[in-house]
């Protein structure tokens, strides 16, 4: 029987680093979205022993509709479109805004809070619950090494990591690394128009 694969996507990490590497500087970041399902399907297809995509779990921030209504509306449209496939689970947490957000001269951007922790907890919990045989993490965030190490060291499941070729990557001894190219980025782009 083919191994059950769950792909965990640190979305802002995948989206922003892909935009930086593979899109023109003049291209707005919202024109370089990554389709989580296409990304997960590509990763599963590339596995030498194969597998069946059980689920792709996407972790990302959600803007505050009172502060950024257009961005929130676009984020909500992504959420609805991606979840139209039952294999896609999107977990969003509210973005944290600087205190001077609405004041002139504010240069600090809103930040994600709790995304990595949420992803880490799910990766370990689902491994304990035997919900997957193979977990693939798409992120370059070194804060996510501990859950990978725990799942690997306790032999709860087989784990692998993925990232864009040319970006810093999350490396752990003994873990397979999927390096995805510019061509792969083009193949997994979300080309739907989320007009707001």
Protein backbone atom coordinates (compact mmCIF):
# COMPACT_ATOMS: atom_id res chain seq x y z
CA UNK A 1 0.00 0.00 0.00
CA UNK A 2 1.29 3.49 -0.89
CA UNK A 3 2.33 5.62 2.09
CA UNK A 4 -0.12 8.32 3.18
CA UNK A 5 1.50 11.73 2.74
CA UNK A 6 0.61 14.97 4.50
CA UNK A 7 2.29 18.16 3.28
CA UNK A 8 2.67 21.00 5.80
CA UNK A 9 3.08 24.43 4.18
CA UNK A 10 4.38 27.50 6.00
CA UNK A 11 2.55 29.63 3.44
CA UNK A 12 4.07 33.08 3.91
CA UNK A 13 7.50 31.51 3.87
CA UNK A 14 6.80 29.60 0.62
CA UNK A 15 5.01 32.50 -1.04
CA UNK A 16 7.41 35.33 -0.14
CA UNK A 17 10.63 33.40 -0.85
CA UNK A 18 9.22 32.17 -4.19
CA UNK A 19 8.28 35.74 -5.13
CA UNK A 20 11.75 37.02 -4.24
CA UNK A 21 13.51 34.30 -6.23
CA UNK A 22 11.34 33.78 -9.26
CA UNK A 23 9.19 36.86 -9.91
CA UNK A 24 10.24 40.21 -11.33
CA UNK A 25 10.84 42.88 -8.71
CA UNK A 26 8.06 44.94 -10.34
CA UNK A 27 5.59 42.05 -10.10
CA UNK A 28 3.22 42.60 -7.15
CA UNK A 29 3.49 39.88 -4.53
CA UNK A 30 -0.19 38.99 -4.97
CA UNK A 31 0.55 38.01 -8.60
CA UNK A 32 2.97 35.33 -7.42
CA UNK A 33 0.76 33.16 -5.24
CA UNK A 34 1.49 29.49 -4.70
CA UNK A 35 -1.35 26.98 -5.09
CA UNK A 36 -0.96 24.69 -2.04
CA UNK A 37 -2.65 21.70 -3.68
CA UNK A 38 -0.48 21.89 -6.81
CA UNK A 39 2.60 22.23 -4.58
CA UNK A 40 1.65 19.18 -2.52
CA UNK A 41 0.83 17.10 -5.61
CA UNK A 42 4.20 17.97 -7.14
CA UNK A 43 6.05 16.97 -3.97
CA UNK A 44 4.23 13.64 -3.72
CA UNK A 45 4.82 12.93 -7.42
CA UNK A 46 8.57 13.55 -6.95
CA UNK A 47 8.93 11.04 -4.14
CA UNK A 48 10.85 8.01 -5.42
CA UNK A 49 8.77 5.58 -3.36
CA UNK A 50 5.61 7.50 -4.28
CA UNK A 51 2.66 7.95 -1.99
CA UNK A 52 -0.92 9.13 -1.78
CA UNK A 53 -1.64 12.72 -0.89
CA UNK A 54 -3.79 12.52 2.22
CA UNK A 55 -3.88 16.21 3.02
CA UNK A 56 -2.11 19.52 2.48
CA UNK A 57 -2.18 21.70 5.58
CA UNK A 58 -1.60 25.41 5.00
CA UNK A 59 -0.61 27.77 7.83
CA UNK A 60 -0.84 31.53 7.28
CA UNK A 61 -1.83 34.83 8.80
CA UNK A 62 -5.10 36.66 8.20
CA UNK A 63 -5.16 40.47 8.02
CA UNK A 64 -7.47 42.52 10.20
CA UNK A 65 -10.49 43.53 8.07
CA UNK A 66 -10.73 46.87 9.92
CA UNK A 67 -7.13 47.74 9.09
CA UNK A 68 -6.68 46.13 5.63
CA UNK A 69 -10.12 45.35 4.16
CA UNK A 70 -8.95 44.65 0.58
CA UNK A 71 -6.10 42.40 1.67
CA UNK A 72 -8.43 40.57 4.04
CA UNK A 73 -10.98 40.05 1.26
CA UNK A 74 -8.27 38.60 -1.00
CA UNK A 75 -7.00 36.36 1.82
CA UNK A 76 -10.57 35.12 2.38
CA UNK A 77 -10.97 34.37 -1.34
CA UNK A 78 -7.75 32.32 -1.30
CA UNK A 79 -9.10 30.43 1.71
CA UNK A 80 -12.40 29.64 -0.03
CA UNK A 81 -10.76 28.64 -3.33
CA UNK A 82 -8.13 26.41 -1.76
CA UNK A 83 -10.60 24.67 0.54
CA UNK A 84 -12.80 23.71 -2.42
CA UNK A 85 -10.70 20.52 -2.49
CA UNK A 86 -11.37 18.39 0.60
CA UNK A 87 -7.66 17.51 0.90
CA UNK A 88 -6.75 21.15 1.66
CA UNK A 89 -6.91 22.40 5.25
CA UNK A 90 -6.10 26.07 5.84
CA UNK A 91 -5.34 27.27 9.36
CA UNK A 92 -5.18 31.06 9.73
CA UNK A 93 -4.26 33.22 12.69
CA UNK A 94 -4.78 36.99 12.98
CA UNK A 95 -1.83 39.16 12.01
CA UNK A 96 -0.33 41.32 14.75
CA UNK A 97 -0.09 45.03 13.91
CA UNK A 98 2.38 47.59 15.26
CA UNK A 99 0.87 50.13 17.67
CA UNK A 100 1.50 53.00 15.25
CA UNK A 101 -0.02 51.15 12.28
CA UNK A 102 -2.41 53.90 11.17
CA UNK A 103 0.00 56.77 11.84
CA UNK A 104 2.12 58.49 9.17
CA UNK A 105 5.69 57.25 9.16
CA UNK A 106 4.88 53.73 10.35
CA UNK A 107 7.32 51.44 8.54
CA UNK A 108 6.83 48.21 10.47
CA UNK A 109 4.68 45.60 8.72
CA UNK A 110 2.09 43.36 10.38
CA UNK A 111 3.58 40.04 11.52
CA UNK A 112 2.39 36.49 11.85
CA UNK A 113 2.23 35.20 15.40
CA UNK A 114 1.66 31.59 16.42
CA UNK A 115 1.83 30.15 12.89
CA UNK A 116 5.00 28.12 13.50
CA UNK A 117 3.74 26.86 16.85
CA UNK A 118 0.42 25.83 15.32
CA UNK A 119 2.18 23.97 12.49
CA UNK A 120 4.62 22.29 14.89
CA UNK A 121 1.85 21.09 17.22
CA UNK A 122 -0.16 19.67 14.31
CA UNK A 123 2.84 17.91 12.80
CA UNK A 124 3.61 16.11 16.08
CA UNK A 125 -0.03 15.49 17.08
CA UNK A 126 -0.97 13.99 13.71
CA UNK A 127 2.15 11.79 13.77
CA UNK A 128 1.17 10.48 17.23
CA UNK A 129 -2.36 9.87 15.95
CA UNK A 130 -0.91 7.90 12.99
CA UNK A 131 -2.65 10.19 10.49
CA UNK A 132 0.29 10.06 8.07
CA UNK A 133 3.17 7.81 7.11
CA UNK A 134 5.18 10.61 5.47
CA UNK A 135 5.17 14.28 6.46
CA UNK A 136 6.74 16.83 4.12
CA UNK A 137 7.39 20.30 5.54
CA UNK A 138 7.72 23.23 3.13
CA UNK A 139 9.50 25.95 5.10
CA UNK A 140 12.94 27.35 5.65
CA UNK A 141 12.20 28.43 9.21
CA UNK A 142 14.71 26.86 11.60
CA UNK A 143 12.16 27.19 14.44
CA UNK A 144 10.47 24.16 12.85
CA UNK A 145 13.43 21.82 13.35
CA UNK A 146 12.25 20.51 16.77
CA UNK A 147 8.97 18.96 15.52
CA UNK A 148 10.81 17.35 12.60
CA UNK A 149 13.42 15.96 14.97
CA UNK A 150 10.79 14.69 17.38
CA UNK A 151 8.75 12.88 14.72
CA UNK A 152 11.94 11.42 13.22
CA UNK A 153 13.66 10.46 16.49
CA UNK A 154 10.55 8.82 17.97
CA UNK A 155 9.96 7.05 14.63
CA UNK A 156 6.39 8.30 14.55
CA UNK A 157 6.53 8.84 10.78
CA UNK A 158 9.00 9.47 7.98
CA UNK A 159 9.67 13.21 7.51
CA UNK A 160 11.10 15.22 4.62
CA UNK A 161 11.64 18.92 3.94
CA UNK A 162 11.10 21.06 0.86
CA UNK A 163 12.14 24.51 -0.32
CA UNK A 164 12.89 26.63 -3.35
CA UNK A 165 16.26 26.13 -5.01
CA UNK A 166 18.31 29.25 -4.37
CA UNK A 167 16.71 30.08 -1.02
CA UNK A 168 18.10 29.12 2.34
CA UNK A 169 16.73 25.70 3.19
CA UNK A 170 15.88 23.86 6.36
CA UNK A 171 18.45 21.06 6.61
CA UNK A 172 18.52 18.19 9.04
CA UNK A 173 20.89 15.22 8.86
CA UNK A 174 19.22 12.18 7.36
CA UNK A 175 16.18 14.04 6.00
CA UNK A 176 15.46 14.13 2.31
CA UNK A 177 15.34 17.65 0.86
CA UNK A 178 13.06 18.44 -2.09
CA UNK A 179 14.62 21.41 -3.90
CA UNK A 180 12.11 22.99 -6.24
CA UNK A 181 13.21 25.03 -9.24
CA UNK A 182 11.94 28.12 -11.05
CA UNK A 183 10.13 25.75 -13.43
CA UNK A 184 8.45 24.08 -10.46
CA UNK A 185 7.42 27.48 -9.09
CA UNK A 186 5.75 28.31 -12.41
CA UNK A 187 4.00 24.92 -12.38
CA UNK A 188 2.54 25.44 -8.89
CA UNK A 189 1.55 29.09 -9.17
CA UNK A 190 -2.01 29.96 -8.34
CA UNK A 191 -3.12 31.72 -11.53
CA UNK A 192 -6.71 32.32 -10.42
CA UNK A 193 -7.68 35.99 -10.28
CA UNK A 194 -8.79 37.10 -6.86
CA UNK A 195 -10.22 40.47 -7.84
CA UNK A 196 -11.42 42.44 -4.83
